[in-house]
Amino acid sequence: MSRRTALDIKKKILEILKNGAMTPRELETKINTNNQTIQTQLKELEFFNKVKIERHQRSQKNGRPYTIVRRTE
């Protein structure tokens, strides 16, 4: 099995986000990769204005901080 490139992972993230916003954890599960990889790719996509990372202070459900990722285009 060959390793996926960073570009492959970025393409997959953008493809998945066409359907709506998600948390980084949901992306991690859908793409089947680890948190560090997702965070690294999201930072780069945010730098190039492809995604917007929204950090919220409190969830209505459990009171914890959470993060949502959306496509910008």
N, C-alpha and C. Protein backbone atom coordinates (compact mmCIF):
# COMPACT_ATOMS: atom_id res chain seq x y z
N MET A 1 0.84 -1.18 0.00
CA MET A 1 0.00 0.00 0.00
C MET A 1 0.89 1.24 0.00
N SER A 2 0.61 2.17 -0.89
CA SER A 2 1.44 3.37 -0.96
C SER A 2 0.93 4.45 -0.01
N ARG A 3 1.85 5.25 0.42
CA ARG A 3 1.51 6.36 1.31
C ARG A 3 0.77 7.45 0.55
N ARG A 4 -0.18 8.04 1.21
CA ARG A 4 -0.88 9.18 0.60
C ARG A 4 -0.01 10.42 0.76
N THR A 5 -0.03 11.28 -0.23
CA THR A 5 0.74 12.51 -0.14
C THR A 5 -0.08 13.57 0.58
N ALA A 6 0.60 14.62 1.00
CA ALA A 6 -0.09 15.74 1.66
C ALA A 6 -1.13 16.33 0.71
N LEU A 7 -0.80 16.39 -0.57
CA LEU A 7 -1.74 16.92 -1.55
C LEU A 7 -3.00 16.06 -1.63
N ASP A 8 -2.84 14.74 -1.60
CA ASP A 8 -4.00 13.84 -1.62
C ASP A 8 -4.91 14.10 -0.41
N ILE A 9 -4.31 14.31 0.74
CA ILE A 9 -5.08 14.54 1.96
C ILE A 9 -5.80 15.88 1.89
N LYS A 10 -5.12 16.91 1.39
CA LYS A 10 -5.76 18.23 1.24
C LYS A 10 -6.95 18.15 0.28
N LYS A 11 -6.77 17.45 -0.83
CA LYS A 11 -7.86 17.30 -1.81
C LYS A 11 -9.06 16.61 -1.15
N LYS A 12 -8.78 15.57 -0.38
CA LYS A 12 -9.85 14.82 0.29
C LYS A 12 -10.58 15.71 1.30
N ILE A 13 -9.83 16.53 2.05
CA ILE A 13 -10.45 17.44 3.02
C ILE A 13 -11.40 18.39 2.30
N LEU A 14 -10.93 19.01 1.22
CA LEU A 14 -11.76 19.96 0.47
C LEU A 14 -12.99 19.28 -0.13
N GLU A 15 -12.80 18.06 -0.61
CA GLU A 15 -13.92 17.30 -1.19
C GLU A 15 -14.98 17.01 -0.13
N ILE A 16 -14.56 16.59 1.04
CA ILE A 16 -15.48 16.28 2.13
C ILE A 16 -16.21 17.53 2.62
N LEU A 17 -15.50 18.66 2.68
CA LEU A 17 -16.10 19.89 3.19
C LEU A 17 -17.08 20.53 2.21
N LYS A 18 -17.18 20.02 0.97
CA LYS A 18 -18.19 20.52 0.03
C LYS A 18 -19.58 20.28 0.59
N ASN A 19 -19.72 19.22 1.39
CA ASN A 19 -21.03 18.84 1.94
C ASN A 19 -21.39 19.62 3.20
N GLY A 20 -20.50 20.46 3.70
CA GLY A 20 -20.79 21.24 4.89
C GLY A 20 -19.65 21.21 5.88
N ALA A 21 -19.82 21.96 6.97
CA ALA A 21 -18.78 22.10 7.99
C ALA A 21 -18.63 20.82 8.81
N MET A 22 -17.42 20.63 9.34
CA MET A 22 -17.13 19.47 10.18
C MET A 22 -16.10 19.85 11.24
N THR A 23 -15.99 19.01 12.24
CA THR A 23 -14.93 19.18 13.22
C THR A 23 -13.67 18.48 12.68
N PRO A 24 -12.50 18.89 13.17
CA PRO A 24 -11.28 18.19 12.77
C PRO A 24 -11.33 16.70 13.11
N ARG A 25 -11.96 16.35 14.20
CA ARG A 25 -12.07 14.93 14.59
C ARG A 25 -12.89 14.14 13.57
N GLU A 26 -13.98 14.74 13.07
CA GLU A 26 -14.79 14.07 12.06
C GLU A 26 -13.98 13.87 10.77
N LEU A 27 -13.20 14.88 10.40
CA LEU A 27 -12.35 14.77 9.21
C LEU A 27 -11.33 13.66 9.40
N GLU A 28 -10.74 13.63 10.58
CA GLU A 28 -9.74 12.60 10.90
C GLU A 28 -10.32 11.20 10.69
N THR A 29 -11.54 10.98 11.14
CA THR A 29 -12.20 9.69 11.00
C THR A 29 -12.53 9.38 9.54
N LYS A 30 -13.11 10.36 8.83
CA LYS A 30 -13.50 10.14 7.43
C LYS A 30 -12.30 9.87 6.52
N ILE A 31 -11.19 10.57 6.79
CA ILE A 31 -10.01 10.42 5.93
C ILE A 31 -9.11 9.28 6.40
N ASN A 32 -9.36 8.83 7.62
CA ASN A 32 -8.59 7.73 8.19
C ASN A 32 -7.11 8.09 8.35
N THR A 33 -6.88 9.16 9.07
CA THR A 33 -5.52 9.61 9.36
C THR A 33 -5.48 10.13 10.79
N ASN A 34 -4.32 10.58 11.23
CA ASN A 34 -4.21 11.02 12.63
C ASN A 34 -4.45 12.52 12.78
N ASN A 35 -4.62 12.94 14.03
CA ASN A 35 -4.93 14.33 14.35
C ASN A 35 -3.83 15.27 13.89
N GLN A 36 -2.58 14.90 14.09
CA GLN A 36 -1.47 15.78 13.72
C GLN A 36 -1.48 16.06 12.21
N THR A 37 -1.74 15.06 11.41
CA THR A 37 -1.80 15.23 9.96
C THR A 37 -2.94 16.18 9.59
N ILE A 38 -4.10 15.98 10.17
CA ILE A 38 -5.25 16.85 9.88
C ILE A 38 -4.93 18.30 10.27
N GLN A 39 -4.38 18.50 11.47
CA GLN A 39 -4.07 19.86 11.93
C GLN A 39 -3.08 20.54 10.99
N THR A 40 -2.04 19.82 10.57
CA THR A 40 -1.03 20.37 9.68
C THR A 40 -1.64 20.78 8.35
N GLN A 41 -2.45 19.90 7.77
CA GLN A 41 -3.07 20.19 6.47
C GLN A 41 -4.08 21.33 6.57
N LEU A 42 -4.84 21.37 7.67
CA LEU A 42 -5.82 22.45 7.85
C LEU A 42 -5.14 23.80 7.99
N LYS A 43 -4.01 23.85 8.70
CA LYS A 43 -3.28 25.12 8.83
C LYS A 43 -2.83 25.64 7.47
N GLU A 44 -2.34 24.73 6.64
CA GLU A 44 -1.89 25.14 5.31
C GLU A 44 -3.08 25.57 4.44
N LEU A 45 -4.17 24.83 4.48
CA LEU A 45 -5.36 25.21 3.71
C LEU A 45 -5.92 26.55 4.20
N GLU A 46 -5.84 26.80 5.50
CA GLU A 46 -6.31 28.08 6.05
C GLU A 46 -5.41 29.22 5.56
N PHE A 47 -4.11 28.99 5.52
CA PHE A 47 -3.16 29.99 5.06
C PHE A 47 -3.48 30.43 3.63
N PHE A 48 -3.87 29.47 2.79
CA PHE A 48 -4.20 29.77 1.39
C PHE A 48 -5.68 30.11 1.19
N ASN A 49 -6.39 30.39 2.28
CA ASN A 49 -7.80 30.79 2.24
C ASN A 49 -8.72 29.78 1.57
N LYS A 50 -8.44 28.52 1.75
CA LYS A 50 -9.31 27.47 1.20
C LYS A 50 -10.33 27.00 2.24
N VAL A 51 -9.95 27.11 3.52
CA VAL A 51 -10.87 26.76 4.60
C VAL A 51 -10.83 27.84 5.67
N LYS A 52 -11.89 27.87 6.48
CA LYS A 52 -11.93 28.75 7.65
C LYS A 52 -12.06 27.87 8.87
N ILE A 53 -11.17 28.09 9.83
CA ILE A 53 -11.21 27.33 11.08
C ILE A 53 -11.83 28.22 12.14
N GLU A 54 -12.99 27.81 12.66
CA GLU A 54 -13.70 28.60 13.66
C GLU A 54 -13.56 27.92 15.02
N ARG A 55 -12.96 28.64 15.95
CA ARG A 55 -12.80 28.10 17.31
C ARG A 55 -13.86 28.73 18.21
N HIS A 56 -14.68 27.89 18.83
CA HIS A 56 -15.76 28.35 19.69
C HIS A 56 -15.40 28.09 21.16
N GLN A 57 -15.86 28.98 22.03
CA GLN A 57 -15.53 28.86 23.45
C GLN A 57 -16.31 27.77 24.17
N ARG A 58 -17.59 27.61 23.80
CA ARG A 58 -18.44 26.69 24.55
C ARG A 58 -19.44 25.98 23.67
N SER A 59 -19.55 24.69 23.83
CA SER A 59 -20.57 23.91 23.14
C SER A 59 -21.87 23.99 23.94
N GLN A 60 -22.99 24.08 23.23
CA GLN A 60 -24.29 24.07 23.91
C GLN A 60 -24.54 22.73 24.59
N LYS A 61 -24.02 21.66 23.99
CA LYS A 61 -24.26 20.31 24.51
C LYS A 61 -23.51 20.04 25.81
N ASN A 62 -22.17 20.29 25.80
CA ASN A 62 -21.39 19.87 26.96
C ASN A 62 -20.55 20.97 27.60
N GLY A 63 -20.61 22.20 27.07
CA GLY A 63 -19.89 23.31 27.68
C GLY A 63 -18.41 23.37 27.35
N ARG A 64 -17.94 22.48 26.51
CA ARG A 64 -16.51 22.45 26.17
C ARG A 64 -16.22 23.28 24.92
N PRO A 65 -14.98 23.77 24.80
CA PRO A 65 -14.60 24.45 23.56
C PRO A 65 -14.61 23.46 22.39
N TYR A 66 -14.87 23.96 21.19
CA TYR A 66 -14.85 23.09 20.01
C TYR A 66 -14.44 23.89 18.78
N THR A 67 -14.10 23.17 17.72
CA THR A 67 -13.60 23.77 16.48
C THR A 67 -14.41 23.23 15.32
N ILE A 68 -14.75 24.12 14.40
CA ILE A 68 -15.48 23.76 13.17
C ILE A 68 -14.65 24.23 11.98
N VAL A 69 -14.61 23.43 10.93
CA VAL A 69 -13.88 23.77 9.71
C VAL A 69 -14.88 23.88 8.56
N ARG A 70 -14.78 24.98 7.80
CA ARG A 70 -15.65 25.21 6.64
C ARG A 70 -14.81 25.56 5.42
N ARG A 71 -15.32 25.25 4.25
CA ARG A 71 -14.69 25.73 3.00
C ARG A 71 -15.00 27.20 2.84
N THR A 72 -14.09 27.95 2.23
CA THR A 72 -14.32 29.38 2.04
C THR A 72 -14.85 29.70 0.65
N GLU A 73 -14.72 28.76 -0.30
CA GLU A 73 -15.12 29.07 -1.67
C GLU A 73 -16.55 28.65 -1.95
